[in-house]
Amino acid sequence: MVFAVLFSLLTRTVSPRLGVLGFRKPGRPVFSDPVSPDHPIRRRAHGPRVIWSGSRRSAGLFLRSLVVALVAALGFTVPAAASPFCDRGEFCVWSGISFRGESGKFGIGSSAVGECIVLGRESRSLANLLRHDVTVYESPECATEADFTTYPGLGTYVPTTPFVVRAIQLWPA
């Protein structure tokens, strides 16, 4: 409903006789053809008067653009996804691609080197900012029968993993 009203406001022409909403101002007659030289607004002793000036059109266009920008900014915002921020010394995973969705962070202090760590959720993007290499597994048991890949440390970002990651294993530096 709000968008329909805003659309009708933006698509109406603004006239000197009519208000912004298109209603007639009191005391002003409505003529069918304001462009004709016989129209009372345009008739003058020394020639027709210019109704629209460039600055008036520019102001109207600016106001319409401003309203459209505000509606776009306020009405079409998308809820923010999980923060893609991952600190140095952390291995981070996200449930969605492009570092979106639920996130999980692992560090050397909270994870044992050489042991299989089950993530507890399916992850589709990751960032390795550890000093250690990390192997990611499709199998939750870190089995090598399913897909697995090792990513080097110190700044590896993978926005879309080649398979769904269910477990990880940290390797000694």
Protein backbone atom coordinates (compact mmCIF):
# COMPACT_ATOMS: atom_id res chain seq x y z
CA MET A 1 0.00 0.00 0.00
CA VAL A 2 2.77 2.41 0.94
CA PHE A 3 4.68 1.63 -2.24
CA ALA A 4 1.56 2.23 -4.36
CA VAL A 5 1.07 5.68 -2.81
CA LEU A 6 4.74 6.56 -3.25
CA PHE A 7 4.67 5.34 -6.85
CA SER A 8 1.61 7.46 -7.62
CA LEU A 9 3.30 10.48 -6.03
CA LEU A 10 6.45 9.97 -8.05
CA THR A 11 4.70 9.49 -11.37
CA ARG A 12 2.40 12.52 -11.16
CA THR A 13 3.36 15.74 -12.87
CA VAL A 14 3.56 18.83 -10.72
CA SER A 15 1.58 21.74 -12.09
CA PRO A 16 1.53 25.38 -10.97
CA ARG A 17 -2.27 25.15 -10.65
CA LEU A 18 -2.33 21.80 -8.92
CA GLY A 19 -0.80 20.81 -5.64
CA VAL A 20 1.79 18.09 -5.25
CA LEU A 21 -0.88 15.43 -4.79
CA GLY A 22 -2.70 16.51 -7.93
CA PHE A 23 -5.60 18.25 -6.21
CA ARG A 24 -6.74 21.63 -7.44
CA LYS A 25 -5.70 24.61 -5.37
CA PRO A 26 -8.70 26.62 -4.19
CA GLY A 27 -9.59 29.65 -6.28
CA ARG A 28 -7.73 28.47 -9.38
CA PRO A 29 -9.64 27.45 -12.50
CA VAL A 30 -8.67 24.23 -14.26
CA PHE A 31 -8.05 24.53 -17.99
CA SER A 32 -7.75 21.62 -20.34
CA ASP A 33 -4.77 22.92 -22.32
CA PRO A 34 -2.26 25.00 -20.30
CA VAL A 35 0.13 25.13 -23.28
CA SER A 36 -2.19 27.09 -25.56
CA PRO A 37 -1.42 30.83 -25.96
CA ASP A 38 -4.99 31.67 -24.86
CA HIS A 39 -4.51 30.14 -21.45
CA PRO A 40 -4.73 32.89 -18.74
CA ILE A 41 -1.45 31.91 -17.11
CA ARG A 42 0.48 32.14 -20.39
CA ARG A 43 -1.21 35.24 -21.87
CA ARG A 44 0.83 38.42 -21.39
CA ALA A 45 1.12 41.72 -23.16
CA HIS A 46 4.58 41.06 -24.53
CA GLY A 47 4.35 37.30 -25.26
CA PRO A 48 3.80 34.02 -23.52
CA ARG A 49 5.19 33.44 -20.07
CA VAL A 50 7.38 30.43 -19.41
CA ILE A 51 5.70 28.23 -16.84
CA TRP A 52 8.53 25.78 -16.16
CA SER A 53 12.04 26.92 -15.60
CA GLY A 54 15.04 24.61 -15.52
CA SER A 55 15.59 25.05 -11.79
CA ARG A 56 12.00 24.14 -11.01
CA ARG A 57 12.25 20.95 -13.05
CA SER A 58 15.59 20.13 -11.46
CA ALA A 59 14.13 20.62 -7.99
CA GLY A 60 11.22 18.32 -8.80
CA LEU A 61 13.54 15.69 -10.22
CA PHE A 62 15.81 15.99 -7.18
CA LEU A 63 12.90 15.52 -4.77
CA ARG A 64 11.64 12.48 -6.67
CA SER A 65 15.14 10.98 -6.71
CA LEU A 66 15.49 11.63 -2.99
CA VAL A 67 12.21 9.87 -2.21
CA VAL A 68 13.17 6.89 -4.37
CA ALA A 69 16.57 6.68 -2.66
CA LEU A 70 15.00 6.79 0.81
CA VAL A 71 12.43 4.13 -0.07
CA ALA A 72 15.16 1.95 -1.52
CA ALA A 73 17.39 2.41 1.52
CA LEU A 74 14.69 1.89 4.13
CA GLY A 75 12.25 -0.43 2.44
CA PHE A 76 14.51 -2.88 0.68
CA THR A 77 17.20 -3.54 3.25
CA VAL A 78 18.28 -7.13 3.76
CA PRO A 79 18.97 -8.39 7.27
CA ALA A 80 22.67 -8.53 7.96
CA ALA A 81 24.32 -11.92 7.72
CA ALA A 82 26.81 -13.31 10.18
CA SER A 83 30.00 -11.32 10.46
CA PRO A 84 32.70 -12.54 8.08
CA PHE A 85 35.35 -11.26 10.50
CA CYS A 86 37.98 -13.84 11.42
CA ASP A 87 41.01 -12.90 13.57
CA ARG A 88 44.59 -14.01 13.05
CA GLY A 89 45.16 -17.30 14.84
CA GLU A 90 41.63 -18.59 14.11
CA PHE A 91 40.10 -21.07 11.71
CA CYS A 92 36.57 -19.95 10.83
CA VAL A 93 33.72 -21.74 9.06
CA TRP A 94 30.32 -20.48 7.86
CA SER A 95 27.19 -22.47 7.05
CA GLY A 96 26.53 -20.49 3.85
CA ILE A 97 28.62 -19.59 0.85
CA SER A 98 30.55 -16.30 0.67
CA PHE A 99 31.11 -16.21 4.45
CA ARG A 100 27.40 -15.95 5.34
CA GLY A 101 25.20 -17.83 7.78
CA GLU A 102 26.09 -19.29 11.16
CA SER A 103 29.78 -19.12 11.96
CA GLY A 104 32.15 -21.19 14.04
CA LYS A 105 35.68 -20.30 15.16
CA PHE A 106 38.48 -22.61 16.22
CA GLY A 107 41.91 -21.78 17.59
CA ILE A 108 44.98 -23.68 18.69
CA GLY A 109 44.11 -23.12 22.36
CA SER A 110 40.62 -24.61 22.03
CA SER A 111 41.44 -27.40 19.54
CA ALA A 112 43.86 -30.31 19.79
CA VAL A 113 46.44 -30.60 17.00
CA GLY A 114 46.16 -33.86 15.05
CA GLU A 115 42.70 -34.84 16.33
CA CYS A 116 39.47 -34.96 14.32
CA ILE A 117 37.14 -32.10 15.28
CA VAL A 118 33.49 -32.57 14.32
CA LEU A 119 31.93 -29.21 13.44
CA GLY A 120 28.37 -30.09 14.46
CA ARG A 121 26.97 -28.27 11.42
CA GLU A 122 27.52 -28.31 7.69
CA SER A 123 29.86 -25.58 6.48
CA ARG A 124 30.17 -24.19 2.96
CA SER A 125 32.85 -21.48 3.32
CA LEU A 126 35.96 -21.13 5.46
CA ALA A 127 38.98 -19.01 6.33
CA ASN A 128 42.26 -20.38 7.69
CA LEU A 129 44.22 -17.70 9.54
CA LEU A 130 46.16 -20.16 11.70
CA ARG A 131 49.89 -20.82 11.38
CA HIS A 132 48.94 -24.47 10.86
CA ASP A 133 47.61 -26.34 7.84
CA VAL A 134 44.02 -27.53 8.23
CA THR A 135 42.42 -30.48 6.47
CA VAL A 136 38.66 -30.26 5.96
CA TYR A 137 36.58 -33.41 5.54
CA GLU A 138 33.20 -34.20 4.06
CA SER A 139 32.92 -37.13 6.46
CA PRO A 140 32.17 -36.27 10.12
CA GLU A 141 34.67 -38.98 11.18
CA CYS A 142 37.57 -37.45 9.16
CA ALA A 143 37.50 -40.52 6.91
CA THR A 144 39.58 -40.32 3.75
CA GLU A 145 37.03 -42.38 1.77
CA ALA A 146 34.96 -39.20 1.32
CA ASP A 147 36.28 -35.89 -0.05
CA PHE A 148 38.94 -34.01 1.89
CA THR A 149 41.28 -31.09 1.17
CA THR A 150 44.14 -29.47 3.08
CA TYR A 151 44.32 -25.68 3.17
CA PRO A 152 47.55 -23.87 4.15
CA GLY A 153 47.58 -21.41 7.01
CA LEU A 154 48.31 -17.69 7.26
CA GLY A 155 45.45 -16.38 5.16
CA THR A 156 43.52 -18.88 3.06
CA TYR A 157 39.98 -17.74 2.23
CA VAL A 158 37.55 -20.16 0.56
CA PRO A 159 34.17 -18.52 -0.20
CA THR A 160 32.73 -21.75 -1.64
CA THR A 161 34.14 -25.13 -0.63
CA PRO A 162 34.10 -27.93 -3.23
CA PHE A 163 32.04 -30.08 -0.83
CA VAL A 164 30.11 -29.68 2.42
CA VAL A 165 32.59 -29.57 5.32
CA ARG A 166 31.59 -31.59 8.39
CA ALA A 167 34.92 -32.07 10.24
CA ILE A 168 38.42 -30.56 10.40
CA GLN A 169 41.87 -31.63 11.51
CA LEU A 170 44.69 -29.26 12.51
CA TRP A 171 48.26 -30.24 11.64
CA PRO A 172 51.45 -29.27 13.51
CA ALA A 173 53.33 -26.29 12.09
